[in-house]
Amino acid sequence: MACISKLTYDIVQTVAPEVDSSYIPHAVDTDIFSKIDPDQAKKFKQEKMGPGNEDKFFFFWNNRNARRKQSGSLIFWFKKFLDEVGHDKAVLIMHTDPKDHNGQDLEHIIGELGLVNGEVLFSKAKVETADLAVVYNMIDCTINISDAEGFGLATLESLACEKPIIVNLTGGMQDQITDGKNVFGVGIEPVSKAVIGSQTVPYIYEDRLSEKDVVDAMLEIYNKTPEERAEIGRLGREYVMKQFNFDDFVERWDSLLSSIYENKGSWETREGYKSYGVRVF
């Protein structure tokens, strides 16, 4: 079993120690997702955001507009943040479909909250990877407060571009926020764990955050100096290059698949597999 997070790997080792498992985290192309010239990023920001907005603080949220992603909660809590710092001081860019049937009507929410003066902007169109990397360079911090997240590629892409992150300490995002010594933004401890499930998945946990903790995290990043955020981003990229690079990613998969072939056999000789089953009616 290939596990993309240390959490999943630890769980498998605990509940099924007899199962062969490997820790193989995701990776990003650090040649594409990297820091660009600050003047180029500033020019892009002026072109896309318009004059007068280049000095505002930009949060970025790059996710599916789905229930577990907490998209509606983020907008409500971002308003609380704006109430603290001023509605003309920051912008939240949400790269998502605000009308996704799996999520909330985000356009209705910003209207309901009166955030209709550019405080929350939606990026709806699909973009090329290189263009997305430029967006990361334009913003100041990337947020992911999902209540469950297998890995969370957007925050890894952000760190690769030397931008700090704010994350819920759930799933694979726990692997990204720290190397054990340095913290590459703000990791928020869940205040509760809700147990949910379905007929096909009896139960799973949802890690829920509090409004105060999320707003405090935004304020913490916002109140840092540009130099402090730059240093966090620099260390974050170093960590990505060391732990989540493509060379190691390819090597881990190659090693795992080769091991399976060598130790478990091929189609005709592989162990632990039957091409048939018996059912009693």
Protein backbone atom coordinates (compact mmCIF):
# COMPACT_ATOMS: atom_id res chain seq x y z
CA MET A 1 0.00 0.00 0.00
CA ALA A 2 1.42 3.38 -1.06
CA CYS A 3 0.64 6.13 1.47
CA ILE A 4 0.86 9.79 0.49
CA SER A 5 1.04 11.09 4.07
CA LYS A 6 2.89 10.06 7.22
CA LEU A 7 -0.47 9.96 9.00
CA THR A 8 -1.85 7.34 6.59
CA TYR A 9 1.39 5.38 6.76
CA ASP A 10 1.30 5.33 10.57
CA ILE A 11 -2.35 4.24 10.56
CA VAL A 12 -1.66 1.37 8.16
CA GLN A 13 1.33 0.27 10.22
CA THR A 14 -0.85 0.25 13.35
CA VAL A 15 -4.05 -1.37 12.12
CA ALA A 16 -2.58 -3.69 9.48
CA PRO A 17 1.10 -4.36 10.28
CA GLU A 18 1.02 -7.46 8.12
CA VAL A 19 0.38 -5.35 5.02
CA ASP A 20 3.41 -4.12 3.08
CA SER A 21 3.26 -0.32 2.96
CA SER A 22 5.44 2.57 1.83
CA TYR A 23 5.43 6.31 2.45
CA ILE A 24 5.45 8.03 -0.95
CA PRO A 25 4.35 11.67 -0.71
CA HIS A 26 3.30 13.77 -3.67
CA ALA A 27 5.79 16.04 -5.40
CA VAL A 28 5.75 19.22 -7.48
CA ASP A 29 7.87 20.36 -10.40
CA THR A 30 10.11 22.91 -8.69
CA ASP A 31 11.35 24.17 -12.06
CA ILE A 32 7.82 25.42 -12.80
CA PHE A 33 6.75 26.23 -9.25
CA SER A 34 9.52 28.56 -8.19
CA LYS A 35 10.16 32.16 -7.24
CA ILE A 36 10.14 34.58 -10.16
CA ASP A 37 11.59 38.05 -10.43
CA PRO A 38 9.74 40.31 -7.92
CA ASP A 39 9.31 43.04 -10.54
CA GLN A 40 7.62 40.54 -12.88
CA ALA A 41 5.31 39.42 -10.07
CA LYS A 42 4.48 43.03 -9.21
CA LYS A 43 3.72 43.82 -12.86
CA PHE A 44 1.44 40.79 -13.10
CA LYS A 45 -0.33 41.87 -9.92
CA GLN A 46 -0.91 45.38 -11.28
CA GLU A 47 -2.22 44.01 -14.58
CA LYS A 48 -4.62 41.54 -12.99
CA MET A 49 -5.70 43.44 -9.89
CA GLY A 50 -5.71 46.99 -11.24
CA PRO A 51 -3.97 50.13 -10.00
CA GLY A 52 -4.22 50.82 -6.28
CA ASN A 53 -4.45 47.14 -5.35
CA GLU A 54 -0.80 46.16 -5.64
CA ASP A 55 -0.12 47.13 -2.00
CA LYS A 56 -2.98 45.08 -0.57
CA PHE A 57 -2.34 41.78 1.19
CA PHE A 58 -3.45 38.79 -0.90
CA PHE A 59 -4.57 35.44 0.45
CA PHE A 60 -4.97 32.61 -2.06
CA TRP A 61 -7.31 29.60 -1.84
CA ASN A 62 -6.93 26.98 -4.59
CA ASN A 63 -9.41 24.14 -4.08
CA ARG A 64 -12.56 22.41 -5.25
CA ASN A 65 -15.61 24.19 -3.90
CA ALA A 66 -16.78 21.14 -1.94
CA ARG A 67 -18.15 20.54 1.53
CA ARG A 68 -14.97 19.33 3.24
CA LYS A 69 -12.97 22.24 1.84
CA GLN A 70 -14.84 24.68 4.13
CA SER A 71 -15.10 27.33 1.39
CA GLY A 72 -18.09 29.09 2.90
CA SER A 73 -16.57 29.12 6.38
CA LEU A 74 -13.42 30.69 4.98
CA ILE A 75 -15.35 33.61 3.48
CA PHE A 76 -17.23 34.24 6.73
CA TRP A 77 -14.01 34.14 8.71
CA PHE A 78 -12.15 36.27 6.18
CA LYS A 79 -14.78 38.96 6.77
CA LYS A 80 -13.98 38.80 10.49
CA PHE A 81 -10.33 39.30 9.60
CA LEU A 82 -11.21 42.31 7.42
CA ASP A 83 -13.27 43.75 10.27
CA GLU A 84 -10.03 43.73 12.28
CA VAL A 85 -7.60 45.17 9.72
CA GLY A 86 -9.87 47.13 7.38
CA HIS A 87 -11.81 46.06 4.32
CA ASP A 88 -9.43 47.94 2.03
CA LYS A 89 -6.32 46.18 3.29
CA ALA A 90 -6.62 42.61 2.01
CA VAL A 91 -8.10 40.43 -0.73
CA LEU A 92 -9.02 36.74 -0.83
CA ILE A 93 -8.62 35.12 -4.25
CA MET A 94 -10.51 31.83 -4.58
CA HIS A 95 -9.46 29.72 -7.57
CA THR A 96 -12.61 27.61 -7.80
CA ASP A 97 -16.09 27.28 -9.24
CA PRO A 98 -18.33 29.36 -6.94
CA LYS A 99 -21.40 27.54 -8.26
CA ASP A 100 -20.06 23.96 -7.92
CA HIS A 101 -22.99 21.71 -6.98
CA ASN A 102 -20.74 19.93 -4.46
CA GLY A 103 -20.22 23.14 -2.52
CA GLN A 104 -21.90 26.33 -1.43
CA ASP A 105 -23.08 29.23 -3.56
CA LEU A 106 -20.06 31.40 -2.86
CA GLU A 107 -21.31 34.34 -4.91
CA HIS A 108 -24.47 34.43 -2.80
CA ILE A 109 -22.38 34.35 0.38
CA ILE A 110 -20.22 37.33 -0.56
CA GLY A 111 -23.37 39.24 -1.49
CA GLU A 112 -24.99 38.34 1.83
CA LEU A 113 -21.88 39.53 3.71
CA GLY A 114 -21.51 42.70 1.66
CA LEU A 115 -18.09 41.70 0.30
CA VAL A 116 -18.90 43.15 -3.10
CA ASN A 117 -16.11 45.70 -3.45
CA GLY A 118 -13.33 43.35 -4.48
CA GLU A 119 -12.64 41.88 -1.05
CA VAL A 120 -13.22 38.36 -2.42
CA LEU A 121 -12.39 37.55 -6.03
CA PHE A 122 -13.15 34.34 -7.92
CA SER A 123 -10.78 32.84 -10.46
CA LYS A 124 -13.08 30.49 -12.38
CA ALA A 125 -11.15 29.56 -15.51
CA LYS A 126 -8.68 26.70 -15.77
CA VAL A 127 -5.14 27.98 -16.20
CA GLU A 128 -1.84 26.55 -17.38
CA THR A 129 0.54 25.31 -14.70
CA ALA A 130 3.11 28.01 -15.44
CA ASP A 131 0.44 30.72 -15.12
CA LEU A 132 -0.67 29.26 -11.79
CA ALA A 133 2.92 29.51 -10.57
CA VAL A 134 2.88 33.23 -11.39
CA VAL A 135 -0.28 33.63 -9.30
CA TYR A 136 1.49 32.07 -6.31
CA ASN A 137 4.26 34.60 -6.79
CA MET A 138 1.73 37.42 -6.79
CA ILE A 139 0.01 36.51 -3.52
CA ASP A 140 1.29 36.69 0.06
CA CYS A 141 -0.09 33.51 1.66
CA THR A 142 -1.99 30.37 0.64
CA ILE A 143 -4.75 28.95 2.86
CA ASN A 144 -6.22 25.45 3.15
CA ILE A 145 -8.57 24.80 6.08
CA SER A 146 -10.16 21.57 4.79
CA ASP A 147 -11.55 19.38 7.56
CA ALA A 148 -9.93 16.35 5.87
CA GLU A 149 -7.12 16.43 3.33
CA GLY A 150 -5.17 13.48 1.97
CA PHE A 151 -2.27 15.72 0.96
CA GLY A 152 -3.11 19.21 -0.35
CA LEU A 153 -1.08 20.02 -3.47
CA ALA A 154 -1.89 23.74 -3.54
CA THR A 155 -0.03 24.43 -0.32
CA LEU A 156 2.98 22.47 -1.55
CA GLU A 157 2.96 24.49 -4.79
CA SER A 158 2.82 27.66 -2.70
CA LEU A 159 5.84 26.67 -0.62
CA ALA A 160 7.74 25.80 -3.79
CA CYS A 161 7.11 29.40 -4.90
CA GLU A 162 8.39 30.62 -1.50
CA LYS A 163 5.01 31.67 -0.17
CA PRO A 164 3.91 30.84 3.43
CA ILE A 165 0.85 28.73 4.12
CA ILE A 166 -1.96 28.53 6.67
CA VAL A 167 -3.26 24.99 7.10
CA ASN A 168 -5.46 22.83 9.23
CA LEU A 169 -3.27 20.21 10.90
CA THR A 170 -5.05 17.32 9.25
CA GLY A 171 -3.93 14.64 6.82
CA GLY A 172 -0.97 15.32 4.58
CA MET A 173 -0.85 19.04 5.31
CA GLN A 174 0.82 18.14 8.59
CA ASP A 175 3.79 16.87 6.56
CA GLN A 176 4.13 20.20 4.75
CA ILE A 177 3.86 22.85 7.46
CA THR A 178 7.06 21.90 9.30
CA ASP A 179 10.28 19.96 8.90
CA GLY A 180 10.34 19.35 12.64
CA LYS A 181 12.36 22.49 13.29
CA ASN A 182 11.05 25.30 11.11
CA VAL A 183 7.38 26.19 10.56
CA PHE A 184 6.47 27.45 7.09
CA GLY A 185 3.46 29.55 8.04
CA VAL A 186 0.79 28.72 10.59
CA GLY A 187 -0.53 25.27 11.42
CA ILE A 188 -3.88 25.31 13.20
CA GLU A 189 -4.81 22.60 15.69
CA PRO A 190 -8.38 21.29 15.22
CA VAL A 191 -10.71 22.11 18.11
CA SER A 192 -12.90 19.06 17.57
CA LYS A 193 -13.21 15.87 15.58
CA ALA A 194 -16.63 15.12 14.11
CA VAL A 195 -17.42 11.52 13.23
CA ILE A 196 -19.25 11.21 9.91
CA GLY A 197 -19.71 8.48 7.33
CA SER A 198 -22.06 6.71 4.96
CA GLN A 199 -23.36 3.26 4.15
CA THR A 200 -20.22 2.50 2.14
CA VAL A 201 -17.78 4.22 4.54
CA PRO A 202 -19.03 3.52 8.09
CA TYR A 203 -17.13 6.38 9.66
CA ILE A 204 -14.32 8.87 9.15
CA TYR A 205 -13.17 11.86 11.15
CA GLU A 206 -13.50 15.51 10.22
CA ASP A 207 -11.05 17.90 11.88
CA ARG A 208 -12.94 21.12 12.61
CA LEU A 209 -11.37 24.52 13.24
CA SER A 210 -12.65 27.49 15.20
CA GLU A 211 -13.30 30.91 13.71
CA LYS A 212 -10.98 32.57 16.21
CA ASP A 213 -8.04 30.31 15.43
CA VAL A 214 -8.37 30.90 11.68
CA VAL A 215 -8.69 34.68 12.07
CA ASP A 216 -5.73 34.71 14.48
CA ALA A 217 -3.66 32.76 11.93
CA MET A 218 -4.50 35.30 9.22
CA LEU A 219 -3.54 38.14 11.55
CA GLU A 220 -0.27 36.43 12.46
CA ILE A 221 0.81 36.15 8.82
CA TYR A 222 -0.54 39.60 7.94
CA ASN A 223 1.38 41.29 10.78
CA LYS A 224 4.73 39.81 9.82
CA THR A 225 7.11 42.00 7.86
CA PRO A 226 7.68 41.26 4.17
CA GLU A 227 11.19 40.17 5.12
CA GLU A 228 9.88 37.70 7.70
CA ARG A 229 7.44 36.20 5.22
CA ALA A 230 10.18 36.00 2.60
CA GLU A 231 12.40 34.06 4.99
CA ILE A 232 9.56 31.65 5.83
CA GLY A 233 9.02 31.14 2.10
CA ARG A 234 12.71 30.58 1.43
CA LEU A 235 12.93 27.89 4.11
CA GLY A 236 9.69 26.37 2.82
CA ARG A 237 11.10 25.97 -0.67
CA GLU A 238 14.26 24.39 0.73
CA TYR A 239 12.08 21.84 2.50
CA VAL A 240 10.08 21.12 -0.67
CA MET A 241 13.29 20.63 -2.64
CA LYS A 242 14.57 18.19 -0.04
CA GLN A 243 11.43 16.23 0.84
CA PHE A 244 8.99 16.55 -2.09
CA ASN A 245 11.15 16.67 -5.22
CA PHE A 246 10.37 14.76 -8.41
CA ASP A 247 13.66 12.83 -8.48
CA ASP A 248 12.94 11.15 -5.14
CA PHE A 249 9.27 10.73 -6.09
CA VAL A 250 10.19 8.79 -9.25
CA GLU A 251 12.83 6.78 -7.41
CA ARG A 252 10.38 5.77 -4.66
CA TRP A 253 7.77 4.58 -7.14
CA ASP A 254 10.34 2.79 -9.25
CA SER A 255 11.73 1.05 -6.18
CA LEU A 256 8.27 0.05 -4.93
CA LEU A 257 7.04 -1.34 -8.26
CA SER A 258 10.31 -3.16 -8.88
CA SER A 259 10.11 -4.68 -5.40
CA ILE A 260 6.54 -5.85 -5.97
CA TYR A 261 7.54 -7.51 -9.23
CA GLU A 262 10.67 -9.11 -7.80
CA ASN A 263 9.20 -10.31 -4.49
CA LYS A 264 5.56 -11.02 -5.36
CA GLY A 265 5.95 -12.32 -8.87
CA SER A 266 4.39 -11.31 -12.19
CA TRP A 267 0.93 -12.07 -13.58
CA GLU A 268 1.25 -15.85 -13.59
CA THR A 269 3.33 -16.21 -10.41
CA ARG A 270 2.36 -13.33 -8.13
CA GLU A 271 1.50 -14.07 -4.49
CA GLY A 272 -1.61 -13.17 -2.56
CA TYR A 273 -3.86 -12.92 -5.58
CA LYS A 274 -6.60 -15.11 -7.02
CA SER A 275 -8.17 -14.43 -10.37
CA TYR A 276 -11.40 -16.08 -9.24
CA GLY A 277 -13.74 -16.19 -6.27
CA VAL A 278 -16.52 -18.36 -4.89
CA ARG A 279 -19.94 -16.93 -4.06
CA VAL A 280 -22.79 -18.84 -2.46
CA PHE A 281 -26.32 -17.90 -3.59
